[in-house]
Amino acid sequence: MCFCGRMAYLREGKQELEIDFPLESIWEAIPKAVAKLEWKIEEKDEAAHRLTIRTKGSFMSYGSTIKMELSKENEKTTFVAIYAETPVTTITSTLDYGQTYDRVDEFVLTLAQIMNS
């Protein structure tokens, strides 16, 4: 049996943010950001303020799974933890380098645009 250099593994990324908006405002804006990026919310836990998002892949790149957890710091500040993982193979790893972090950054920038509009 030959795998011919196609071993798969996960590239992971993590970002933690404190955002100067109430939790409810951010929670309501997230689906708008996901829709704008043409991604998909796979799981959503309203009570715990957790969700799982699936991004689109690109040429020679798999989509990423992004998990988020929001918590209230105070009435005006929200803590957002973002965990992302992208499956890669030895063939796609060079072309896919940095995609996981780029997708998290793309989401954060899109969310910021929505929050500031």
PDB file of N, CA and C in Angstrom:
ATOM      1  N   MET A   1       0.840  -1.162   0.000  1.00  0.00           N
ATOM      2  CA  MET A   1       0.000   0.000   0.000  1.00  0.00           C
ATOM      3  C   MET A   1       0.894   1.237   0.000  1.00  0.00           C
ATOM      4  N   CYS A   2       0.624   2.182  -0.909  1.00  0.00           N
ATOM      5  CA  CYS A   2       1.433   3.383  -1.037  1.00  0.00           C
ATOM      6  C   CYS A   2       0.592   4.623  -0.741  1.00  0.00           C
ATOM      7  N   PHE A   3       1.028   5.414   0.222  1.00  0.00           N
ATOM      8  CA  PHE A   3       0.348   6.671   0.502  1.00  0.00           C
ATOM      9  C   PHE A   3       0.961   7.806  -0.314  1.00  0.00           C
ATOM     10  N   CYS A   4       2.102   7.555  -0.911  1.00  0.00           N
ATOM     11  CA  CYS A   4       2.753   8.487  -1.836  1.00  0.00           C
ATOM     12  C   CYS A   4       2.825   9.917  -1.308  1.00  0.00           C
ATOM     13  N   GLY A   5       3.225  10.082  -0.073  1.00  0.00           N
ATOM     14  CA  GLY A   5       3.424  11.415   0.484  1.00  0.00           C
ATOM     15  C   GLY A   5       2.143  12.172   0.777  1.00  0.00           C
ATOM     16  N   ARG A   6       1.037  11.492   0.995  1.00  0.00           N
ATOM     17  CA  ARG A   6      -0.227  12.172   1.199  1.00  0.00           C
ATOM     18  C   ARG A   6      -0.697  12.094   2.648  1.00  0.00           C
ATOM     19  N   MET A   7       0.205  12.088   3.564  1.00  0.00           N
ATOM     20  CA  MET A   7      -0.179  12.022   4.964  1.00  0.00           C
ATOM     21  C   MET A   7      -0.877  13.323   5.372  1.00  0.00           C
ATOM     22  N   ALA A   8      -2.024  13.207   6.032  1.00  0.00           N
ATOM     23  CA  ALA A   8      -2.789  14.395   6.426  1.00  0.00           C
ATOM     24  C   ALA A   8      -2.561  14.704   7.904  1.00  0.00           C
ATOM     25  N   TYR A   9      -2.616  15.971   8.228  1.00  0.00           N
ATOM     26  CA  TYR A   9      -2.537  16.427   9.616  1.00  0.00           C
ATOM     27  C   TYR A   9      -3.283  17.749   9.698  1.00  0.00           C
ATOM     28  N   LEU A  10      -3.400  18.299  10.896  1.00  0.00           N
ATOM     29  CA  LEU A  10      -4.132  19.544  11.101  1.00  0.00           C
ATOM     30  C   LEU A  10      -3.183  20.693  11.404  1.00  0.00           C
ATOM     31  N   ARG A  11      -3.448  21.825  10.775  1.00  0.00           N
ATOM     32  CA  ARG A  11      -2.770  23.067  11.149  1.00  0.00           C
ATOM     33  C   ARG A  11      -3.733  23.808  12.043  1.00  0.00           C
ATOM     34  N   GLU A  12      -3.259  24.210  13.195  1.00  0.00           N
ATOM     35  CA  GLU A  12      -4.138  24.845  14.166  1.00  0.00           C
ATOM     36  C   GLU A  12      -3.738  26.298  14.393  1.00  0.00           C
ATOM     37  N   GLY A  13      -4.727  27.088  14.782  1.00  0.00           N
ATOM     38  CA  GLY A  13      -4.487  28.479  15.111  1.00  0.00           C
ATOM     39  C   GLY A  13      -5.406  28.898  16.239  1.00  0.00           C
ATOM     40  N   LYS A  14      -4.991  29.889  16.987  1.00  0.00           N
ATOM     41  CA  LYS A  14      -5.794  30.355  18.118  1.00  0.00           C
ATOM     42  C   LYS A  14      -5.637  31.865  18.224  1.00  0.00           C
ATOM     43  N   GLN A  15      -6.741  32.529  18.493  1.00  0.00           N
ATOM     44  CA  GLN A  15      -6.700  33.962  18.715  1.00  0.00           C
ATOM     45  C   GLN A  15      -7.694  34.298  19.810  1.00  0.00           C
ATOM     46  N   GLU A  16      -7.289  35.157  20.722  1.00  0.00           N
ATOM     47  CA  GLU A  16      -8.169  35.608  21.801  1.00  0.00           C
ATOM     48  C   GLU A  16      -8.277  37.122  21.714  1.00  0.00           C
ATOM     49  N   LEU A  17      -9.521  37.606  21.824  1.00  0.00           N
ATOM     50  CA  LEU A  17      -9.771  39.034  21.673  1.00  0.00           C
ATOM     51  C   LEU A  17     -10.640  39.558  22.788  1.00  0.00           C
ATOM     52  N   GLU A  18     -10.410  40.797  23.166  1.00  0.00           N
ATOM     53  CA  GLU A  18     -11.343  41.546  24.016  1.00  0.00           C
ATOM     54  C   GLU A  18     -11.932  42.607  23.111  1.00  0.00           C
ATOM     55  N   ILE A  19     -13.257  42.585  22.970  1.00  0.00           N
ATOM     56  CA  ILE A  19     -13.927  43.497  22.053  1.00  0.00           C
ATOM     57  C   ILE A  19     -14.818  44.435  22.858  1.00  0.00           C
ATOM     58  N   ASP A  20     -14.724  45.709  22.564  1.00  0.00           N
ATOM     59  CA  ASP A  20     -15.480  46.721  23.310  1.00  0.00           C
ATOM     60  C   ASP A  20     -16.906  46.875  22.784  1.00  0.00           C
ATOM     61  N   PHE A  21     -17.630  45.770  22.783  1.00  0.00           N
ATOM     62  CA  PHE A  21     -19.051  45.734  22.462  1.00  0.00           C
ATOM     63  C   PHE A  21     -19.700  44.728  23.397  1.00  0.00           C
ATOM     64  N   PRO A  22     -20.975  44.922  23.720  1.00  0.00           N
ATOM     65  CA  PRO A  22     -21.673  43.935  24.552  1.00  0.00           C
ATOM     66  C   PRO A  22     -21.763  42.576  23.856  1.00  0.00           C
ATOM     67  N   LEU A  23     -21.761  41.523  24.638  1.00  0.00           N
ATOM     68  CA  LEU A  23     -21.813  40.156  24.113  1.00  0.00           C
ATOM     69  C   LEU A  23     -22.979  39.971  23.143  1.00  0.00           C
ATOM     70  N   GLU A  24     -24.156  40.471  23.485  1.00  0.00           N
ATOM     71  CA  GLU A  24     -25.340  40.274  22.650  1.00  0.00           C
ATOM     72  C   GLU A  24     -25.154  40.890  21.267  1.00  0.00           C
ATOM     73  N   SER A  25     -24.510  42.038  21.200  1.00  0.00           N
ATOM     74  CA  SER A  25     -24.278  42.701  19.917  1.00  0.00           C
ATOM     75  C   SER A  25     -23.348  41.877  19.030  1.00  0.00           C
ATOM     76  N   ILE A  26     -22.299  41.350  19.620  1.00  0.00           N
ATOM     77  CA  ILE A  26     -21.357  40.534  18.859  1.00  0.00           C
ATOM     78  C   ILE A  26     -22.023  39.232  18.422  1.00  0.00           C
ATOM     79  N   TRP A  27     -22.776  38.602  19.331  1.00  0.00           N
ATOM     80  CA  TRP A  27     -23.460  37.345  19.035  1.00  0.00           C
ATOM     81  C   TRP A  27     -24.408  37.512  17.841  1.00  0.00           C
ATOM     82  N   GLU A  28     -25.077  38.653  17.772  1.00  0.00           N
ATOM     83  CA  GLU A  28     -25.995  38.925  16.660  1.00  0.00           C
ATOM     84  C   GLU A  28     -25.255  39.241  15.361  1.00  0.00           C
ATOM     85  N   ALA A  29     -24.050  39.782  15.458  1.00  0.00           N
ATOM     86  CA  ALA A  29     -23.286  40.156  14.263  1.00  0.00           C
ATOM     87  C   ALA A  29     -22.544  38.977  13.633  1.00  0.00           C
ATOM     88  N   ILE A  30     -22.245  37.952  14.416  1.00  0.00           N
ATOM     89  CA  ILE A  30     -21.470  36.822  13.890  1.00  0.00           C
ATOM     90  C   ILE A  30     -22.140  36.164  12.688  1.00  0.00           C
ATOM     91  N   PRO A  31     -23.444  35.831  12.733  1.00  0.00           N
ATOM     92  CA  PRO A  31     -24.056  35.224  11.540  1.00  0.00           C
ATOM     93  C   PRO A  31     -23.982  36.122  10.299  1.00  0.00           C
ATOM     94  N   LYS A  32     -24.019  37.427  10.490  1.00  0.00           N
ATOM     95  CA  LYS A  32     -23.892  38.360   9.366  1.00  0.00           C
ATOM     96  C   LYS A  32     -22.490  38.278   8.755  1.00  0.00           C
ATOM     97  N   ALA A  33     -21.473  38.188   9.609  1.00  0.00           N
ATOM     98  CA  ALA A  33     -20.093  38.059   9.126  1.00  0.00           C
ATOM     99  C   ALA A  33     -19.912  36.738   8.388  1.00  0.00           C
ATOM    100  N   VAL A  34     -20.468  35.666   8.943  1.00  0.00           N
ATOM    101  CA  VAL A  34     -20.360  34.344   8.314  1.00  0.00           C
ATOM    102  C   VAL A  34     -21.034  34.365   6.946  1.00  0.00           C
ATOM    103  N   ALA A  35     -22.218  34.965   6.865  1.00  0.00           N
ATOM    104  CA  ALA A  35     -22.936  35.045   5.589  1.00  0.00           C
ATOM    105  C   ALA A  35     -22.157  35.879   4.575  1.00  0.00           C
ATOM    106  N   LYS A  36     -21.578  36.989   5.026  1.00  0.00           N
ATOM    107  CA  LYS A  36     -20.810  37.854   4.126  1.00  0.00           C
ATOM    108  C   LYS A  36     -19.615  37.108   3.535  1.00  0.00           C
ATOM    109  N   LEU A  37     -19.002  36.243   4.334  1.00  0.00           N
ATOM    110  CA  LEU A  37     -17.858  35.461   3.878  1.00  0.00           C
ATOM    111  C   LEU A  37     -18.272  34.213   3.097  1.00  0.00           C
ATOM    112  N   GLU A  38     -19.580  33.952   3.054  1.00  0.00           N
ATOM    113  CA  GLU A  38     -20.141  32.767   2.394  1.00  0.00           C
ATOM    114  C   GLU A  38     -19.636  31.474   3.036  1.00  0.00           C
ATOM    115  N   TRP A  39     -19.525  31.510   4.369  1.00  0.00           N
ATOM    116  CA  TRP A  39     -19.181  30.341   5.134  1.00  0.00           C
ATOM    117  C   TRP A  39     -20.464  29.769   5.724  1.00  0.00           C
ATOM    118  N   LYS A  40     -20.356  28.766   6.587  1.00  0.00           N
ATOM    119  CA  LYS A  40     -21.550  28.113   7.123  1.00  0.00           C
ATOM    120  C   LYS A  40     -21.389  27.865   8.624  1.00  0.00           C
ATOM    121  N   ILE A  41     -22.451  28.188   9.378  1.00  0.00           N
ATOM    122  CA  ILE A  41     -22.470  27.847  10.803  1.00  0.00           C
ATOM    123  C   ILE A  41     -22.968  26.406  10.905  1.00  0.00           C
ATOM    124  N   GLU A  42     -22.132  25.528  11.460  1.00  0.00           N
ATOM    125  CA  GLU A  42     -22.496  24.107  11.583  1.00  0.00           C
ATOM    126  C   GLU A  42     -23.176  23.807  12.909  1.00  0.00           C
ATOM    127  N   GLU A  43     -22.712  24.429  13.978  1.00  0.00           N
ATOM    128  CA  GLU A  43     -23.288  24.212  15.309  1.00  0.00           C
ATOM    129  C   GLU A  43     -23.382  25.552  16.021  1.00  0.00           C
ATOM    130  N   LYS A  44     -24.469  25.708  16.807  1.00  0.00           N
ATOM    131  CA  LYS A  44     -24.654  26.953  17.536  1.00  0.00           C
ATOM    132  C   LYS A  44     -25.309  26.639  18.877  1.00  0.00           C
ATOM    133  N   ASP A  45     -24.660  27.027  19.958  1.00  0.00           N
ATOM    134  CA  ASP A  45     -25.179  26.835  21.310  1.00  0.00           C
ATOM    135  C   ASP A  45     -25.469  28.217  21.887  1.00  0.00           C
ATOM    136  N   GLU A  46     -26.739  28.609  21.809  1.00  0.00           N
ATOM    137  CA  GLU A  46     -27.152  29.942  22.252  1.00  0.00           C
ATOM    138  C   GLU A  46     -26.841  30.172  23.735  1.00  0.00           C
ATOM    139  N   ALA A  47     -27.120  29.176  24.565  1.00  0.00           N
ATOM    140  CA  ALA A  47     -26.959  29.335  26.020  1.00  0.00           C
ATOM    141  C   ALA A  47     -25.496  29.525  26.417  1.00  0.00           C
ATOM    142  N   ALA A  48     -24.602  28.770  25.797  1.00  0.00           N
ATOM    143  CA  ALA A  48     -23.179  28.835  26.149  1.00  0.00           C
ATOM    144  C   ALA A  48     -22.404  29.842  25.289  1.00  0.00           C
ATOM    145  N   HIS A  49     -23.060  30.416  24.280  1.00  0.00           N
ATOM    146  CA  HIS A  49     -22.414  31.338  23.347  1.00  0.00           C
ATOM    147  C   HIS A  49     -21.195  30.693  22.684  1.00  0.00           C
ATOM    148  N   ARG A  50     -21.434  29.512  22.126  1.00  0.00           N
ATOM    149  CA  ARG A  50     -20.397  28.774  21.390  1.00  0.00           C
ATOM    150  C   ARG A  50     -20.923  28.439  20.008  1.00  0.00           C
ATOM    151  N   LEU A  51     -20.024  28.437  19.032  1.00  0.00           N
ATOM    152  CA  LEU A  51     -20.431  27.989  17.712  1.00  0.00           C
ATOM    153  C   LEU A  51     -19.264  27.430  16.934  1.00  0.00           C
ATOM    154  N   THR A  52     -19.622  26.655  15.915  1.00  0.00           N
ATOM    155  CA  THR A  52     -18.643  26.064  15.014  1.00  0.00           C
ATOM    156  C   THR A  52     -18.969  26.533  13.608  1.00  0.00           C
ATOM    157  N   ILE A  53     -17.970  27.033  12.928  1.00  0.00           N
ATOM    158  CA  ILE A  53     -18.122  27.568  11.577  1.00  0.00           C
ATOM    159  C   ILE A  53     -17.240  26.758  10.629  1.00  0.00           C
ATOM    160  N   ARG A  54     -17.752  26.518   9.449  1.00  0.00           N
ATOM    161  CA  ARG A  54     -16.985  25.822   8.410  1.00  0.00           C
ATOM    162  C   ARG A  54     -16.723  26.808   7.278  1.00  0.00           C
ATOM    163  N   THR A  55     -15.453  27.004   6.929  1.00  0.00           N
ATOM    164  CA  THR A  55     -15.094  27.925   5.859  1.00  0.00           C
ATOM    165  C   THR A  55     -15.079  27.193   4.523  1.00  0.00           C
ATOM    166  N   LYS A  56     -15.030  27.960   3.476  1.00  0.00           N
ATOM    167  CA  LYS A  56     -14.885  27.380   2.147  1.00  0.00           C
ATOM    168  C   LYS A  56     -13.417  27.065   1.922  1.00  0.00           C
ATOM    169  N   GLY A  57     -13.161  26.066   1.137  1.00  0.00           N
ATOM    170  CA  GLY A  57     -11.800  25.771   0.722  1.00  0.00           C
ATOM    171  C   GLY A  57     -11.450  26.643  -0.475  1.00  0.00           C
ATOM    172  N   SER A  58     -10.259  26.510  -0.939  1.00  0.00           N
ATOM    173  CA  SER A  58      -9.838  27.216  -2.138  1.00  0.00           C
ATOM    174  C   SER A  58      -9.040  26.242  -2.988  1.00  0.00           C
ATOM    175  N   PHE A  59      -8.536  26.705  -4.091  1.00  0.00           N
ATOM    176  CA  PHE A  59      -7.750  25.841  -4.962  1.00  0.00           C
ATOM    177  C   PHE A  59      -6.585  25.242  -4.174  1.00  0.00           C
ATOM    178  N   MET A  60      -6.499  23.937  -4.145  1.00  0.00           N
ATOM    179  CA  MET A  60      -5.440  23.210  -3.441  1.00  0.00           C
ATOM    180  C   MET A  60      -5.442  23.454  -1.933  1.00  0.00           C
ATOM    181  N   SER A  61      -6.614  23.739  -1.365  1.00  0.00           N
ATOM    182  CA  SER A  61      -6.688  23.998   0.062  1.00  0.00           C
ATOM    183  C   SER A  61      -8.031  23.520   0.600  1.00  0.00           C
ATOM    184  N   TYR A  62      -7.998  22.856   1.737  1.00  0.00           N
ATOM    185  CA  TYR A  62      -9.215  22.417   2.399  1.00  0.00           C
ATOM    186  C   TYR A  62      -9.825  23.579   3.174  1.00  0.00           C
ATOM    187  N   GLY A  63     -11.115  23.487   3.451  1.00  0.00           N
ATOM    188  CA  GLY A  63     -11.763  24.468   4.309  1.00  0.00           C
ATOM    189  C   GLY A  63     -11.303  24.288   5.749  1.00  0.00           C
ATOM    190  N   SER A  64     -11.504  25.306   6.551  1.00  0.00           N
ATOM    191  CA  SER A  64     -11.127  25.269   7.964  1.00  0.00           C
ATOM    192  C   SER A  64     -12.369  25.106   8.831  1.00  0.00           C
ATOM    193  N   THR A  65     -12.160  24.599  10.028  1.00  0.00           N
ATOM    194  CA  THR A  65     -13.194  24.572  11.053  1.00  0.00           C
ATOM    195  C   THR A  65     -12.795  25.595  12.101  1.00  0.00           C
ATOM    196  N   ILE A  66     -13.711  26.528  12.370  1.00  0.00           N
ATOM    197  CA  ILE A  66     -13.448  27.574  13.347  1.00  0.00           C
ATOM    198  C   ILE A  66     -14.442  27.415  14.485  1.00  0.00           C
ATOM    199  N   LYS A  67     -13.925  27.287  15.696  1.00  0.00           N
ATOM    200  CA  LYS A  67     -14.770  27.198  16.885  1.00  0.00           C
ATOM    201  C   LYS A  67     -14.592  28.476  17.693  1.00  0.00           C
ATOM    202  N   MET A  68     -15.723  29.030  18.137  1.00  0.00           N
ATOM    203  CA  MET A  68     -15.686  30.275  18.897  1.00  0.00           C
ATOM    204  C   MET A  68     -16.429  30.112  20.195  1.00  0.00           C
ATOM    205  N   GLU A  69     -15.931  30.819  21.180  1.00  0.00           N
ATOM    206  CA  GLU A  69     -16.593  30.867  22.482  1.00  0.00           C
ATOM    207  C   GLU A  69     -16.553  32.312  22.962  1.00  0.00           C
ATOM    208  N   LEU A  70     -17.717  32.858  23.279  1.00  0.00           N
ATOM    209  CA  LEU A  70     -17.831  34.231  23.741  1.00  0.00           C
ATOM    210  C   LEU A  70     -18.192  34.244  25.218  1.00  0.00           C
ATOM    211  N   SER A  71     -17.638  35.192  25.943  1.00  0.00           N
ATOM    212  CA  SER A  71     -18.015  35.366  27.343  1.00  0.00           C
ATOM    213  C   SER A  71     -17.993  36.849  27.681  1.00  0.00           C
ATOM    214  N   LYS A  72     -18.851  37.231  28.591  1.00  0.00           N
ATOM    215  CA  LYS A  72     -18.995  38.632  28.986  1.00  0.00           C
ATOM    216  C   LYS A  72     -17.912  38.986  29.995  1.00  0.00           C
ATOM    217  N   GLU A  73     -17.111  39.993  29.663  1.00  0.00           N
ATOM    218  CA  GLU A  73     -16.133  40.518  30.606  1.00  0.00           C
ATOM    219  C   GLU A  73     -16.840  41.473  31.558  1.00  0.00           C
ATOM    220  N   ASN A  74     -17.625  42.386  30.971  1.00  0.00           N
ATOM    221  CA  ASN A  74     -18.477  43.303  31.718  1.00  0.00           C
ATOM    222  C   ASN A  74     -19.591  43.727  30.759  1.00  0.00           C
ATOM    223  N   GLU A  75     -20.363  44.714  31.119  1.00  0.00           N
ATOM    224  CA  GLU A  75     -21.517  45.107  30.299  1.00  0.00           C
ATOM    225  C   GLU A  75     -21.132  45.604  28.906  1.00  0.00           C
ATOM    226  N   LYS A  76     -19.907  46.121  28.760  1.00  0.00           N
ATOM    227  CA  LYS A  76     -19.503  46.711  27.487  1.00  0.00           C
ATOM    228  C   LYS A  76     -18.362  45.978  26.791  1.00  0.00           C
ATOM    229  N   THR A  77     -17.838  44.935  27.396  1.00  0.00           N
ATOM    230  CA  THR A  77     -16.683  44.237  26.832  1.00  0.00           C
ATOM    231  C   THR A  77     -16.931  42.737  26.783  1.00  0.00           C
ATOM    232  N   THR A  78     -16.543  42.136  25.660  1.00  0.00           N
ATOM    233  CA  THR A  78     -16.735  40.703  25.447  1.00  0.00           C
ATOM    234  C   THR A  78     -15.394  40.051  25.141  1.00  0.00           C
ATOM    235  N   PHE A  79     -15.156  38.901  25.732  1.00  0.00           N
ATOM    236  CA  PHE A  79     -13.972  38.093  25.446  1.00  0.00           C
ATOM    237  C   PHE A  79     -14.365  37.062  24.399  1.00  0.00           C
ATOM    238  N   VAL A  80     -13.584  36.969  23.316  1.00  0.00           N
ATOM    239  CA  VAL A  80     -13.862  36.015  22.242  1.00  0.00           C
ATOM    240  C   VAL A  80     -12.629  35.142  22.051  1.00  0.00           C
ATOM    241  N   ALA A  81     -12.818  33.832  22.210  1.00  0.00           N
ATOM    242  CA  ALA A  81     -11.753  32.861  21.946  1.00  0.00           C
ATOM    243  C   ALA A  81     -12.073  32.176  20.627  1.00  0.00           C
ATOM    244  N   ILE A  82     -11.104  32.181  19.713  1.00  0.00           N
ATOM    245  CA  ILE A  82     -11.285  31.587  18.393  1.00  0.00           C
ATOM    246  C   ILE A  82     -10.224  30.510  18.210  1.00  0.00           C
ATOM    247  N   TYR A  83     -10.679  29.303  17.910  1.00  0.00           N
ATOM    248  CA  TYR A  83      -9.796  28.170  17.649  1.00  0.00           C
ATOM    249  C   TYR A  83     -10.071  27.684  16.240  1.00  0.00           C
ATOM    250  N   ALA A  84      -9.043  27.533  15.437  1.00  0.00           N
ATOM    251  CA  ALA A  84      -9.238  27.112  14.053  1.00  0.00           C
ATOM    252  C   ALA A  84      -8.304  25.955  13.718  1.00  0.00           C
ATOM    253  N   GLU A  85      -8.784  25.095  12.819  1.00  0.00           N
ATOM    254  CA  GLU A  85      -7.937  24.010  12.338  1.00  0.00           C
ATOM    255  C   GLU A  85      -8.255  23.745  10.870  1.00  0.00           C
ATOM    256  N   THR A  86      -7.207  23.453  10.130  1.00  0.00           N
ATOM    257  CA  THR A  86      -7.323  23.177   8.704  1.00  0.00           C
ATOM    258  C   THR A  86      -6.570  21.892   8.408  1.00  0.00           C
ATOM    259  N   PRO A  87      -7.246  20.905   7.791  1.00  0.00           N
ATOM    260  CA  PRO A  87      -6.521  19.697   7.405  1.00  0.00           C
ATOM    261  C   PRO A  87      -5.619  19.992   6.207  1.00  0.00           C
ATOM    262  N   VAL A  88      -4.405  19.496   6.258  1.00  0.00           N
ATOM    263  CA  VAL A  88      -3.473  19.653   5.142  1.00  0.00           C
ATOM    264  C   VAL A  88      -2.791  18.313   4.890  1.00  0.00           C
ATOM    265  N   THR A  89      -2.273  18.178   3.714  1.00  0.00           N
ATOM    266  CA  THR A  89      -1.477  16.995   3.372  1.00  0.00           C
ATOM    267  C   THR A  89      -0.071  17.475   3.051  1.00  0.00           C
ATOM    268  N   THR A  90       0.842  16.553   2.898  1.00  0.00           N
ATOM    269  CA  THR A  90       2.198  16.951   2.548  1.00  0.00           C
ATOM    270  C   THR A  90       2.228  17.624   1.177  1.00  0.00           C
ATOM    271  N   ILE A  91       1.262  17.316   0.347  1.00  0.00           N
ATOM    272  CA  ILE A  91       1.191  17.939  -0.977  1.00  0.00           C
ATOM    273  C   ILE A  91       0.666  19.368  -0.868  1.00  0.00           C
ATOM    274  N   THR A  92      -0.363  19.597  -0.057  1.00  0.00           N
ATOM    275  CA  THR A  92      -0.976  20.925   0.029  1.00  0.00           C
ATOM    276  C   THR A  92      -0.345  21.816   1.091  1.00  0.00           C
ATOM    277  N   SER A  93       0.523  21.285   1.934  1.00  0.00           N
ATOM    278  CA  SER A  93       1.025  22.054   3.079  1.00  0.00           C
ATOM    279  C   SER A  93       1.771  23.317   2.682  1.00  0.00           C
ATOM    280  N   THR A  94       2.530  23.298   1.616  1.00  0.00           N
ATOM    281  CA  THR A  94       3.268  24.486   1.201  1.00  0.00           C
ATOM    282  C   THR A  94       2.332  25.548   0.654  1.00  0.00           C
ATOM    283  N   LEU A  95       1.393  25.138  -0.185  1.00  0.00           N
ATOM    284  CA  LEU A  95       0.436  26.090  -0.757  1.00  0.00           C
ATOM    285  C   LEU A  95      -0.523  26.624   0.296  1.00  0.00           C
ATOM    286  N   ASP A  96      -0.800  25.816   1.316  1.00  0.00           N
ATOM    287  CA  ASP A  96      -1.788  26.153   2.332  1.00  0.00           C
ATOM    288  C   ASP A  96      -1.173  26.862   3.532  1.00  0.00           C
ATOM    289  N   TYR A  97       0.118  27.145   3.493  1.00  0.00           N
ATOM    290  CA  TYR A  97       0.790  27.722   4.648  1.00  0.00           C
ATOM    291  C   TYR A  97       0.149  29.051   5.027  1.00  0.00           C
ATOM    292  N   GLY A  98      -0.318  29.161   6.263  1.00  0.00           N
ATOM    293  CA  GLY A  98      -0.893  30.387   6.772  1.00  0.00           C
ATOM    294  C   GLY A  98      -2.386  30.552   6.539  1.00  0.00           C
ATOM    295  N   GLN A  99      -3.028  29.632   5.820  1.00  0.00           N
ATOM    296  CA  GLN A  99      -4.456  29.753   5.533  1.00  0.00           C
ATOM    297  C   GLN A  99      -5.295  29.782   6.800  1.00  0.00           C
ATOM    298  N   THR A 100      -4.936  28.989   7.788  1.00  0.00           N
ATOM    299  CA  THR A 100      -5.724  28.936   9.019  1.00  0.00           C
ATOM    300  C   THR A 100      -5.764  30.309   9.677  1.00  0.00           C
ATOM    301  N   TYR A 101      -4.606  30.931   9.849  1.00  0.00           N
ATOM    302  CA  TYR A 101      -4.542  32.261  10.463  1.00  0.00           C
ATOM    303  C   TYR A 101      -5.191  33.316   9.566  1.00  0.00           C
ATOM    304  N   ASP A 102      -5.005  33.185   8.245  1.00  0.00           N
ATOM    305  CA  ASP A 102      -5.614  34.142   7.321  1.00  0.00           C
ATOM    306  C   ASP A 102      -7.129  34.112   7.422  1.00  0.00           C
ATOM    307  N   ARG A 103      -7.711  32.939   7.567  1.00  0.00           N
ATOM    308  CA  ARG A 103      -9.164  32.827   7.666  1.00  0.00           C
ATOM    309  C   ARG A 103      -9.678  33.413   8.974  1.00  0.00           C
ATOM    310  N   VAL A 104      -8.953  33.201  10.049  1.00  0.00           N
ATOM    311  CA  VAL A 104      -9.344  33.805  11.331  1.00  0.00           C
ATOM    312  C   VAL A 104      -9.265  35.327  11.214  1.00  0.00           C
ATOM    313  N   ASP A 105      -8.181  35.831  10.643  1.00  0.00           N
ATOM    314  CA  ASP A 105      -8.041  37.279  10.465  1.00  0.00           C
ATOM    315  C   ASP A 105      -9.139  37.837   9.566  1.00  0.00           C
ATOM    316  N   GLU A 106      -9.469  37.110   8.513  1.00  0.00           N
ATOM    317  CA  GLU A 106     -10.528  37.548   7.597  1.00  0.00           C
ATOM    318  C   GLU A 106     -11.868  37.641   8.333  1.00  0.00           C
ATOM    319  N   PHE A 107     -12.129  36.664   9.194  1.00  0.00           N
ATOM    320  CA  PHE A 107     -13.361  36.703   9.974  1.00  0.00           C
ATOM    321  C   PHE A 107     -13.374  37.894  10.923  1.00  0.00           C
ATOM    322  N   VAL A 108     -12.284  38.104  11.638  1.00  0.00           N
ATOM    323  CA  VAL A 108     -12.217  39.202  12.613  1.00  0.00           C
ATOM    324  C   VAL A 108     -12.382  40.549  11.913  1.00  0.00           C
ATOM    325  N   LEU A 109     -11.769  40.734  10.766  1.00  0.00           N
ATOM    326  CA  LEU A 109     -11.905  41.995  10.022  1.00  0.00           C
ATOM    327  C   LEU A 109     -13.333  42.190   9.526  1.00  0.00           C
ATOM    328  N   THR A 110     -13.957  41.128   9.041  1.00  0.00           N
ATOM    329  CA  THR A 110     -15.345  41.212   8.576  1.00  0.00           C
ATOM    330  C   THR A 110     -16.276  41.530   9.738  1.00  0.00           C
ATOM    331  N   LEU A 111     -16.060  40.887  10.874  1.00  0.00           N
ATOM    332  CA  LEU A 111     -16.879  41.168  12.063  1.00  0.00           C
ATOM    333  C   LEU A 111     -16.695  42.630  12.497  1.00  0.00           C
ATOM    334  N   ALA A 112     -15.459  43.119  12.462  1.00  0.00           N
ATOM    335  CA  ALA A 112     -15.192  44.517  12.849  1.00  0.00           C
ATOM    336  C   ALA A 112     -15.919  45.487  11.907  1.00  0.00           C
ATOM    337  N   GLN A 113     -15.917  45.191  10.615  1.00  0.00           N
ATOM    338  CA  GLN A 113     -16.632  46.047   9.669  1.00  0.00           C
ATOM    339  C   GLN A 113     -18.120  46.088   9.982  1.00  0.00           C
ATOM    340  N   ILE A 114     -18.685  44.949  10.294  1.00  0.00           N
ATOM    341  CA  ILE A 114     -20.112  44.882  10.613  1.00  0.00           C
ATOM    342  C   ILE A 114     -20.403  45.621  11.926  1.00  0.00           C
ATOM    343  N   MET A 115     -19.559  45.427  12.929  1.00  0.00           N
ATOM    344  CA  MET A 115     -19.770  46.072  14.221  1.00  0.00           C
ATOM    345  C   MET A 115     -19.629  47.595  14.117  1.00  0.00           C
ATOM    346  N   ASN A 116     -18.790  48.064  13.235  1.00  0.00           N
ATOM    347  CA  ASN A 116     -18.558  49.501  13.108  1.00  0.00           C
ATOM    348  C   ASN A 116     -19.472  50.186  12.105  1.00  0.00           C
ATOM    349  N   SER A 117     -20.365  49.422  11.463  1.00  0.00           N
ATOM    350  CA  SER A 117     -21.267  50.054  10.486  1.00  0.00           C
ATOM    351  C   SER A 117     -22.585  50.453  11.114  1.00  0.00           C
TER     352      SER A 117
END
